[in-house]
Amino acid sequence: MSLISHHQDDQRFVIELANDDDALLEYRFIDATHIDFTRTFVPVSMRGKGIARALVNHGLDWAREQALHIHASCWYVKQVLSEEDSAED
């Protein structure tokens, strides 16, 4: 899998794929200490290969390193967070 790059000015994490397609995890800051992950996107031809999961894991790790409070508008990020909560129980 390609490297994940962080485009802070655009508030997104990106994996550049073949044919100039990108897979994305987008976010926004609610305030200085709260982040909202708003959207994941993986091109149809690349879905089911763990790309969205890699992006989300990377983004969540980064947010935790920054000591940010994490919110998720994106359904997929909510699912990953829910799975993490279940694993901790």
PDB file of N, CA and C in Angstrom:
ATOM      1  N   MET A   1       0.848  -1.186   0.000  1.00  0.00           N
ATOM      2  CA  MET A   1       0.000   0.000   0.000  1.00  0.00           C
ATOM      3  C   MET A   1       0.884   1.237   0.000  1.00  0.00           C
ATOM      4  N   SER A   2       0.439   2.262  -0.654  1.00  0.00           N
ATOM      5  CA  SER A   2       1.187   3.511  -0.729  1.00  0.00           C
ATOM      6  C   SER A   2       1.254   4.188   0.635  1.00  0.00           C
ATOM      7  N   LEU A   3       2.174   5.094   0.736  1.00  0.00           N
ATOM      8  CA  LEU A   3       2.317   5.860   1.959  1.00  0.00           C
ATOM      9  C   LEU A   3       1.132   6.794   2.153  1.00  0.00           C
ATOM     10  N   ILE A   4       0.808   7.023   3.399  1.00  0.00           N
ATOM     11  CA  ILE A   4      -0.245   7.980   3.737  1.00  0.00           C
ATOM     12  C   ILE A   4       0.420   9.326   3.964  1.00  0.00           C
ATOM     13  N   SER A   5      -0.075  10.339   3.279  1.00  0.00           N
ATOM     14  CA  SER A   5       0.452  11.680   3.488  1.00  0.00           C
ATOM     15  C   SER A   5      -0.614  12.544   4.149  1.00  0.00           C
ATOM     16  N   HIS A   6      -0.155  13.462   4.983  1.00  0.00           N
ATOM     17  CA  HIS A   6      -1.041  14.354   5.715  1.00  0.00           C
ATOM     18  C   HIS A   6      -0.985  15.727   5.063  1.00  0.00           C
ATOM     19  N   HIS A   7      -2.098  16.158   4.535  1.00  0.00           N
ATOM     20  CA  HIS A   7      -2.211  17.477   3.913  1.00  0.00           C
ATOM     21  C   HIS A   7      -2.923  18.382   4.912  1.00  0.00           C
ATOM     22  N   GLN A   8      -2.158  18.931   5.830  1.00  0.00           N
ATOM     23  CA  GLN A   8      -2.749  19.701   6.918  1.00  0.00           C
ATOM     24  C   GLN A   8      -3.527  20.919   6.425  1.00  0.00           C
ATOM     25  N   ASP A   9      -3.024  21.592   5.412  1.00  0.00           N
ATOM     26  CA  ASP A   9      -3.733  22.772   4.899  1.00  0.00           C
ATOM     27  C   ASP A   9      -5.116  22.414   4.360  1.00  0.00           C
ATOM     28  N   ASP A  10      -5.246  21.208   3.830  1.00  0.00           N
ATOM     29  CA  ASP A  10      -6.533  20.741   3.285  1.00  0.00           C
ATOM     30  C   ASP A  10      -7.321  19.908   4.303  1.00  0.00           C
ATOM     31  N   GLN A  11      -6.747  19.690   5.464  1.00  0.00           N
ATOM     32  CA  GLN A  11      -7.350  18.896   6.534  1.00  0.00           C
ATOM     33  C   GLN A  11      -7.780  17.521   6.017  1.00  0.00           C
ATOM     34  N   ARG A  12      -6.779  16.784   5.539  1.00  0.00           N
ATOM     35  CA  ARG A  12      -7.053  15.439   5.031  1.00  0.00           C
ATOM     36  C   ARG A  12      -5.791  14.589   5.049  1.00  0.00           C
ATOM     37  N   PHE A  13      -6.027  13.277   5.129  1.00  0.00           N
ATOM     38  CA  PHE A  13      -4.982  12.282   4.941  1.00  0.00           C
ATOM     39  C   PHE A  13      -5.249  11.642   3.585  1.00  0.00           C
ATOM     40  N   VAL A  14      -4.189  11.358   2.833  1.00  0.00           N
ATOM     41  CA  VAL A  14      -4.337  10.919   1.445  1.00  0.00           C
ATOM     42  C   VAL A  14      -3.426   9.733   1.165  1.00  0.00           C
ATOM     43  N   ILE A  15      -3.972   8.771   0.429  1.00  0.00           N
ATOM     44  CA  ILE A  15      -3.172   7.724  -0.202  1.00  0.00           C
ATOM     45  C   ILE A  15      -3.353   7.902  -1.700  1.00  0.00           C
ATOM     46  N   GLU A  16      -2.241   8.134  -2.401  1.00  0.00           N
ATOM     47  CA  GLU A  16      -2.297   8.276  -3.854  1.00  0.00           C
ATOM     48  C   GLU A  16      -2.317   6.885  -4.471  1.00  0.00           C
ATOM     49  N   LEU A  17      -3.318   6.640  -5.289  1.00  0.00           N
ATOM     50  CA  LEU A  17      -3.508   5.341  -5.928  1.00  0.00           C
ATOM     51  C   LEU A  17      -3.189   5.440  -7.413  1.00  0.00           C
ATOM     52  N   ALA A  18      -3.255   4.333  -8.095  1.00  0.00           N
ATOM     53  CA  ALA A  18      -3.018   4.312  -9.537  1.00  0.00           C
ATOM     54  C   ALA A  18      -4.047   5.184 -10.260  1.00  0.00           C
ATOM     55  N   ASN A  19      -3.725   5.588 -11.462  1.00  0.00           N
ATOM     56  CA  ASN A  19      -4.617   6.389 -12.317  1.00  0.00           C
ATOM     57  C   ASN A  19      -4.969   7.737 -11.702  1.00  0.00           C
ATOM     58  N   ASP A  20      -4.061   8.282 -10.891  1.00  0.00           N
ATOM     59  CA  ASP A  20      -4.268   9.591 -10.276  1.00  0.00           C
ATOM     60  C   ASP A  20      -5.486   9.664  -9.374  1.00  0.00           C
ATOM     61  N   ASP A  21      -5.970   8.514  -8.911  1.00  0.00           N
ATOM     62  CA  ASP A  21      -7.052   8.504  -7.933  1.00  0.00           C
ATOM     63  C   ASP A  21      -6.446   8.618  -6.541  1.00  0.00           C
ATOM     64  N   ASP A  22      -7.191   9.220  -5.635  1.00  0.00           N
ATOM     65  CA  ASP A  22      -6.759   9.323  -4.249  1.00  0.00           C
ATOM     66  C   ASP A  22      -7.811   8.717  -3.336  1.00  0.00           C
ATOM     67  N   ALA A  23      -7.356   8.102  -2.273  1.00  0.00           N
ATOM     68  CA  ALA A  23      -8.224   7.696  -1.175  1.00  0.00           C
ATOM     69  C   ALA A  23      -8.024   8.739  -0.083  1.00  0.00           C
ATOM     70  N   LEU A  24      -9.107   9.122   0.596  1.00  0.00           N
ATOM     71  CA  LEU A  24      -9.072  10.261   1.504  1.00  0.00           C
ATOM     72  C   LEU A  24      -9.695   9.957   2.853  1.00  0.00           C
ATOM     73  N   LEU A  25      -9.175  10.603   3.872  1.00  0.00           N
ATOM     74  CA  LEU A  25      -9.834  10.757   5.163  1.00  0.00           C
ATOM     75  C   LEU A  25      -9.806  12.252   5.449  1.00  0.00           C
ATOM     76  N   GLU A  26     -10.985  12.862   5.509  1.00  0.00           N
ATOM     77  CA  GLU A  26     -11.079  14.299   5.722  1.00  0.00           C
ATOM     78  C   GLU A  26     -11.525  14.595   7.152  1.00  0.00           C
ATOM     79  N   TYR A  27     -11.084  15.736   7.651  1.00  0.00           N
ATOM     80  CA  TYR A  27     -11.440  16.143   9.003  1.00  0.00           C
ATOM     81  C   TYR A  27     -11.603  17.648   9.071  1.00  0.00           C
ATOM     82  N   ARG A  28     -12.132  18.096  10.205  1.00  0.00           N
ATOM     83  CA  ARG A  28     -12.206  19.531  10.486  1.00  0.00           C
ATOM     84  C   ARG A  28     -11.988  19.706  11.978  1.00  0.00           C
ATOM     85  N   PHE A  29     -11.459  20.847  12.338  1.00  0.00           N
ATOM     86  CA  PHE A  29     -11.310  21.161  13.750  1.00  0.00           C
ATOM     87  C   PHE A  29     -12.575  21.843  14.234  1.00  0.00           C
ATOM     88  N   ILE A  30     -13.134  21.329  15.306  1.00  0.00           N
ATOM     89  CA  ILE A  30     -14.288  21.959  15.930  1.00  0.00           C
ATOM     90  C   ILE A  30     -13.797  23.169  16.726  1.00  0.00           C
ATOM     91  N   ASP A  31     -12.715  22.970  17.422  1.00  0.00           N
ATOM     92  CA  ASP A  31     -12.009  24.039  18.125  1.00  0.00           C
ATOM     93  C   ASP A  31     -10.571  23.555  18.307  1.00  0.00           C
ATOM     94  N   ALA A  32      -9.812  24.211  19.143  1.00  0.00           N
ATOM     95  CA  ALA A  32      -8.386  23.893  19.261  1.00  0.00           C
ATOM     96  C   ALA A  32      -8.106  22.499  19.826  1.00  0.00           C
ATOM     97  N   THR A  33      -9.085  21.904  20.510  1.00  0.00           N
ATOM     98  CA  THR A  33      -8.832  20.606  21.143  1.00  0.00           C
ATOM     99  C   THR A  33      -9.759  19.496  20.666  1.00  0.00           C
ATOM    100  N   HIS A  34     -10.644  19.778  19.713  1.00  0.00           N
ATOM    101  CA  HIS A  34     -11.609  18.790  19.221  1.00  0.00           C
ATOM    102  C   HIS A  34     -11.530  18.670  17.703  1.00  0.00           C
ATOM    103  N   ILE A  35     -11.454  17.435  17.243  1.00  0.00           N
ATOM    104  CA  ILE A  35     -11.399  17.154  15.803  1.00  0.00           C
ATOM    105  C   ILE A  35     -12.602  16.300  15.424  1.00  0.00           C
ATOM    106  N   ASP A  36     -13.126  16.556  14.234  1.00  0.00           N
ATOM    107  CA  ASP A  36     -14.239  15.778  13.697  1.00  0.00           C
ATOM    108  C   ASP A  36     -13.785  15.154  12.383  1.00  0.00           C
ATOM    109  N   PHE A  37     -13.779  13.822  12.331  1.00  0.00           N
ATOM    110  CA  PHE A  37     -13.477  13.130  11.084  1.00  0.00           C
ATOM    111  C   PHE A  37     -14.783  13.069  10.288  1.00  0.00           C
ATOM    112  N   THR A  38     -14.782  13.710   9.132  1.00  0.00           N
ATOM    113  CA  THR A  38     -16.031  13.967   8.410  1.00  0.00           C
ATOM    114  C   THR A  38     -16.301  13.039   7.240  1.00  0.00           C
ATOM    115  N   ARG A  39     -15.248  12.456   6.639  1.00  0.00           N
ATOM    116  CA  ARG A  39     -15.492  11.699   5.405  1.00  0.00           C
ATOM    117  C   ARG A  39     -14.314  10.813   5.068  1.00  0.00           C
ATOM    118  N   THR A  40     -14.632   9.604   4.617  1.00  0.00           N
ATOM    119  CA  THR A  40     -13.638   8.745   3.979  1.00  0.00           C
ATOM    120  C   THR A  40     -14.099   8.529   2.539  1.00  0.00           C
ATOM    121  N   PHE A  41     -13.129   8.376   1.658  1.00  0.00           N
ATOM    122  CA  PHE A  41     -13.452   8.049   0.269  1.00  0.00           C
ATOM    123  C   PHE A  41     -12.367   7.142  -0.282  1.00  0.00           C
ATOM    124  N   VAL A  42     -12.803   6.039  -0.888  1.00  0.00           N
ATOM    125  CA  VAL A  42     -11.915   5.139  -1.622  1.00  0.00           C
ATOM    126  C   VAL A  42     -12.594   4.870  -2.963  1.00  0.00           C
ATOM    127  N   PRO A  43     -11.877   5.013  -4.082  1.00  0.00           N
ATOM    128  CA  PRO A  43     -12.480   4.723  -5.378  1.00  0.00           C
ATOM    129  C   PRO A  43     -13.058   3.303  -5.407  1.00  0.00           C
ATOM    130  N   VAL A  44     -14.166   3.145  -6.117  1.00  0.00           N
ATOM    131  CA  VAL A  44     -14.882   1.867  -6.166  1.00  0.00           C
ATOM    132  C   VAL A  44     -13.955   0.705  -6.501  1.00  0.00           C
ATOM    133  N   SER A  45     -13.074   0.905  -7.453  1.00  0.00           N
ATOM    134  CA  SER A  45     -12.202  -0.193  -7.891  1.00  0.00           C
ATOM    135  C   SER A  45     -11.196  -0.634  -6.825  1.00  0.00           C
ATOM    136  N   MET A  46     -11.023   0.165  -5.778  1.00  0.00           N
ATOM    137  CA  MET A  46     -10.035  -0.144  -4.738  1.00  0.00           C
ATOM    138  C   MET A  46     -10.676  -0.489  -3.395  1.00  0.00           C
ATOM    139  N   ARG A  47     -11.982  -0.543  -3.348  1.00  0.00           N
ATOM    140  CA  ARG A  47     -12.666  -0.828  -2.077  1.00  0.00           C
ATOM    141  C   ARG A  47     -12.484  -2.286  -1.681  1.00  0.00           C
ATOM    142  N   GLY A  48     -12.576  -2.528  -0.384  1.00  0.00           N
ATOM    143  CA  GLY A  48     -12.446  -3.885   0.141  1.00  0.00           C
ATOM    144  C   GLY A  48     -11.013  -4.351   0.301  1.00  0.00           C
ATOM    145  N   LYS A  49     -10.058  -3.441   0.215  1.00  0.00           N
ATOM    146  CA  LYS A  49      -8.642  -3.803   0.304  1.00  0.00           C
ATOM    147  C   LYS A  49      -7.979  -3.257   1.569  1.00  0.00           C
ATOM    148  N   GLY A  50      -8.779  -2.711   2.484  1.00  0.00           N
ATOM    149  CA  GLY A  50      -8.230  -2.198   3.739  1.00  0.00           C
ATOM    150  C   GLY A  50      -7.692  -0.780   3.665  1.00  0.00           C
ATOM    151  N   ILE A  51      -7.951  -0.091   2.569  1.00  0.00           N
ATOM    152  CA  ILE A  51      -7.406   1.255   2.398  1.00  0.00           C
ATOM    153  C   ILE A  51      -8.080   2.250   3.345  1.00  0.00           C
ATOM    154  N   ALA A  52      -9.390   2.218   3.435  1.00  0.00           N
ATOM    155  CA  ALA A  52     -10.096   3.134   4.345  1.00  0.00           C
ATOM    156  C   ALA A  52      -9.672   2.871   5.780  1.00  0.00           C
ATOM    157  N   ARG A  53      -9.547   1.610   6.141  1.00  0.00           N
ATOM    158  CA  ARG A  53      -9.130   1.259   7.513  1.00  0.00           C
ATOM    159  C   ARG A  53      -7.744   1.813   7.807  1.00  0.00           C
ATOM    160  N   ALA A  54      -6.832   1.695   6.853  1.00  0.00           N
ATOM    161  CA  ALA A  54      -5.476   2.229   7.052  1.00  0.00           C
ATOM    162  C   ALA A  54      -5.508   3.736   7.253  1.00  0.00           C
ATOM    163  N   LEU A  55      -6.297   4.428   6.449  1.00  0.00           N
ATOM    164  CA  LEU A  55      -6.424   5.877   6.598  1.00  0.00           C
ATOM    165  C   LEU A  55      -6.992   6.249   7.961  1.00  0.00           C
ATOM    166  N   VAL A  56      -8.060   5.576   8.348  1.00  0.00           N
ATOM    167  CA  VAL A  56      -8.701   5.889   9.626  1.00  0.00           C
ATOM    168  C   VAL A  56      -7.755   5.593  10.788  1.00  0.00           C
ATOM    169  N   ASN A  57      -7.114   4.451  10.773  1.00  0.00           N
ATOM    170  CA  ASN A  57      -6.170   4.132  11.849  1.00  0.00           C
ATOM    171  C   ASN A  57      -5.071   5.180  11.946  1.00  0.00           C
ATOM    172  N   HIS A  58      -4.564   5.590  10.804  1.00  0.00           N
ATOM    173  CA  HIS A  58      -3.500   6.599  10.769  1.00  0.00           C
ATOM    174  C   HIS A  58      -4.012   7.931  11.322  1.00  0.00           C
ATOM    175  N   GLY A  59      -5.190   8.346  10.874  1.00  0.00           N
ATOM    176  CA  GLY A  59      -5.762   9.610  11.344  1.00  0.00           C
ATOM    177  C   GLY A  59      -6.063   9.600  12.829  1.00  0.00           C
ATOM    178  N   LEU A  60      -6.609   8.491  13.321  1.00  0.00           N
ATOM    179  CA  LEU A  60      -6.899   8.389  14.748  1.00  0.00           C
ATOM    180  C   LEU A  60      -5.609   8.401  15.572  1.00  0.00           C
ATOM    181  N   ASP A  61      -4.594   7.695  15.109  1.00  0.00           N
ATOM    182  CA  ASP A  61      -3.304   7.707  15.806  1.00  0.00           C
ATOM    183  C   ASP A  61      -2.746   9.123  15.882  1.00  0.00           C
ATOM    184  N   TRP A  62      -2.808   9.834  14.767  1.00  0.00           N
ATOM    185  CA  TRP A  62      -2.309  11.215  14.738  1.00  0.00           C
ATOM    186  C   TRP A  62      -3.097  12.089  15.714  1.00  0.00           C
ATOM    187  N   ALA A  63      -4.425  11.993  15.694  1.00  0.00           N
ATOM    188  CA  ALA A  63      -5.253  12.813  16.582  1.00  0.00           C
ATOM    189  C   ALA A  63      -4.940  12.521  18.044  1.00  0.00           C
ATOM    190  N   ARG A  64      -4.735  11.262  18.364  1.00  0.00           N
ATOM    191  CA  ARG A  64      -4.395  10.889  19.749  1.00  0.00           C
ATOM    192  C   ARG A  64      -3.020  11.423  20.147  1.00  0.00           C
ATOM    193  N   GLU A  65      -2.071  11.377  19.222  1.00  0.00           N
ATOM    194  CA  GLU A  65      -0.742  11.944  19.495  1.00  0.00           C
ATOM    195  C   GLU A  65      -0.826  13.436  19.772  1.00  0.00           C
ATOM    196  N   GLN A  66      -1.791  14.104  19.155  1.00  0.00           N
ATOM    197  CA  GLN A  66      -1.995  15.541  19.350  1.00  0.00           C
ATOM    198  C   GLN A  66      -2.857  15.832  20.581  1.00  0.00           C
ATOM    199  N   ALA A  67      -3.305  14.783  21.265  1.00  0.00           N
ATOM    200  CA  ALA A  67      -4.173  14.889  22.448  1.00  0.00           C
ATOM    201  C   ALA A  67      -5.497  15.580  22.117  1.00  0.00           C
ATOM    202  N   LEU A  68      -6.024  15.296  20.931  1.00  0.00           N
ATOM    203  CA  LEU A  68      -7.298  15.871  20.512  1.00  0.00           C
ATOM    204  C   LEU A  68      -8.453  14.979  20.951  1.00  0.00           C
ATOM    205  N   HIS A  69      -9.575  15.606  21.256  1.00  0.00           N
ATOM    206  CA  HIS A  69     -10.809  14.865  21.521  1.00  0.00           C
ATOM    207  C   HIS A  69     -11.421  14.524  20.168  1.00  0.00           C
ATOM    208  N   ILE A  70     -11.747  13.261  19.970  1.00  0.00           N
ATOM    209  CA  ILE A  70     -12.144  12.768  18.655  1.00  0.00           C
ATOM    210  C   ILE A  70     -13.656  12.664  18.537  1.00  0.00           C
ATOM    211  N   HIS A  71     -14.177  13.213  17.451  1.00  0.00           N
ATOM    212  CA  HIS A  71     -15.583  13.088  17.070  1.00  0.00           C
ATOM    213  C   HIS A  71     -15.611  12.503  15.662  1.00  0.00           C
ATOM    214  N   ALA A  72     -16.732  11.886  15.298  1.00  0.00           N
ATOM    215  CA  ALA A  72     -16.821  11.259  13.977  1.00  0.00           C
ATOM    216  C   ALA A  72     -18.192  11.530  13.368  1.00  0.00           C
ATOM    217  N   SER A  73     -18.228  12.370  12.358  1.00  0.00           N
ATOM    218  CA  SER A  73     -19.427  12.526  11.539  1.00  0.00           C
ATOM    219  C   SER A  73     -19.499  11.419  10.505  1.00  0.00           C
ATOM    220  N   CYS A  74     -18.355  10.919  10.103  1.00  0.00           N
ATOM    221  CA  CYS A  74     -18.259   9.861   9.094  1.00  0.00           C
ATOM    222  C   CYS A  74     -18.686   8.531   9.696  1.00  0.00           C
ATOM    223  N   TRP A  75     -19.589   7.836   9.006  1.00  0.00           N
ATOM    224  CA  TRP A  75     -20.097   6.560   9.519  1.00  0.00           C
ATOM    225  C   TRP A  75     -18.985   5.523   9.663  1.00  0.00           C
ATOM    226  N   TYR A  76     -18.038   5.541   8.771  1.00  0.00           N
ATOM    227  CA  TYR A  76     -16.987   4.524   8.825  1.00  0.00           C
ATOM    228  C   TYR A  76     -16.055   4.760  10.018  1.00  0.00           C
ATOM    229  N   VAL A  77     -15.724   6.006  10.273  1.00  0.00           N
ATOM    230  CA  VAL A  77     -14.889   6.311  11.442  1.00  0.00           C
ATOM    231  C   VAL A  77     -15.643   5.933  12.717  1.00  0.00           C
ATOM    232  N   LYS A  78     -16.946   6.213  12.761  1.00  0.00           N
ATOM    233  CA  LYS A  78     -17.754   5.797  13.918  1.00  0.00           C
ATOM    234  C   LYS A  78     -17.673   4.286  14.118  1.00  0.00           C
ATOM    235  N   GLN A  79     -17.745   3.541  13.040  1.00  0.00           N
ATOM    236  CA  GLN A  79     -17.677   2.078  13.114  1.00  0.00           C
ATOM    237  C   GLN A  79     -16.335   1.619  13.685  1.00  0.00           C
ATOM    238  N   VAL A  80     -15.252   2.207  13.214  1.00  0.00           N
ATOM    239  CA  VAL A  80     -13.922   1.833  13.712  1.00  0.00           C
ATOM    240  C   VAL A  80     -13.808   2.156  15.196  1.00  0.00           C
ATOM    241  N   LEU A  81     -14.278   3.327  15.601  1.00  0.00           N
ATOM    242  CA  LEU A  81     -14.228   3.698  17.017  1.00  0.00           C
ATOM    243  C   LEU A  81     -15.067   2.740  17.866  1.00  0.00           C
ATOM    244  N   SER A  82     -16.217   2.358  17.356  1.00  0.00           N
ATOM    245  CA  SER A  82     -17.088   1.417  18.065  1.00  0.00           C
ATOM    246  C   SER A  82     -16.402   0.064  18.229  1.00  0.00           C
ATOM    247  N   GLU A  83     -15.730  -0.394  17.173  1.00  0.00           N
ATOM    248  CA  GLU A  83     -14.999  -1.661  17.242  1.00  0.00           C
ATOM    249  C   GLU A  83     -13.872  -1.586  18.271  1.00  0.00           C
ATOM    250  N   GLU A  84     -13.194  -0.436  18.331  1.00  0.00           N
ATOM    251  CA  GLU A  84     -12.126  -0.257  19.329  1.00  0.00           C
ATOM    252  C   GLU A  84     -12.704  -0.315  20.736  1.00  0.00           C
ATOM    253  N   ASP A  85     -13.860   0.345  20.935  1.00  0.00           N
ATOM    254  CA  ASP A  85     -14.505   0.337  22.264  1.00  0.00           C
ATOM    255  C   ASP A  85     -14.894  -1.085  22.659  1.00  0.00           C
ATOM    256  N   SER A  86     -15.427  -1.841  21.706  1.00  0.00           N
ATOM    257  CA  SER A  86     -15.834  -3.226  21.985  1.00  0.00           C
ATOM    258  C   SER A  86     -14.628  -4.090  22.342  1.00  0.00           C
ATOM    259  N   ALA A  87     -13.523  -3.856  21.686  1.00  0.00           N
ATOM    260  CA  ALA A  87     -12.320  -4.653  21.938  1.00  0.00           C
ATOM    261  C   ALA A  87     -11.749  -4.376  23.323  1.00  0.00           C
ATOM    262  N   GLU A  88     -11.990  -3.166  23.842  1.00  0.00           N
ATOM    263  CA  GLU A  88     -11.473  -2.810  25.166  1.00  0.00           C
ATOM    264  C   GLU A  88     -12.309  -3.388  26.287  1.00  0.00           C
ATOM    265  N   ASP A  89     -13.548  -3.753  26.007  1.00  0.00           N
ATOM    266  CA  ASP A  89     -14.458  -4.292  27.045  1.00  0.00           C
ATOM    267  C   ASP A  89     -14.065  -5.681  27.472  1.00  0.00           C
TER     268      ASP A  89
END
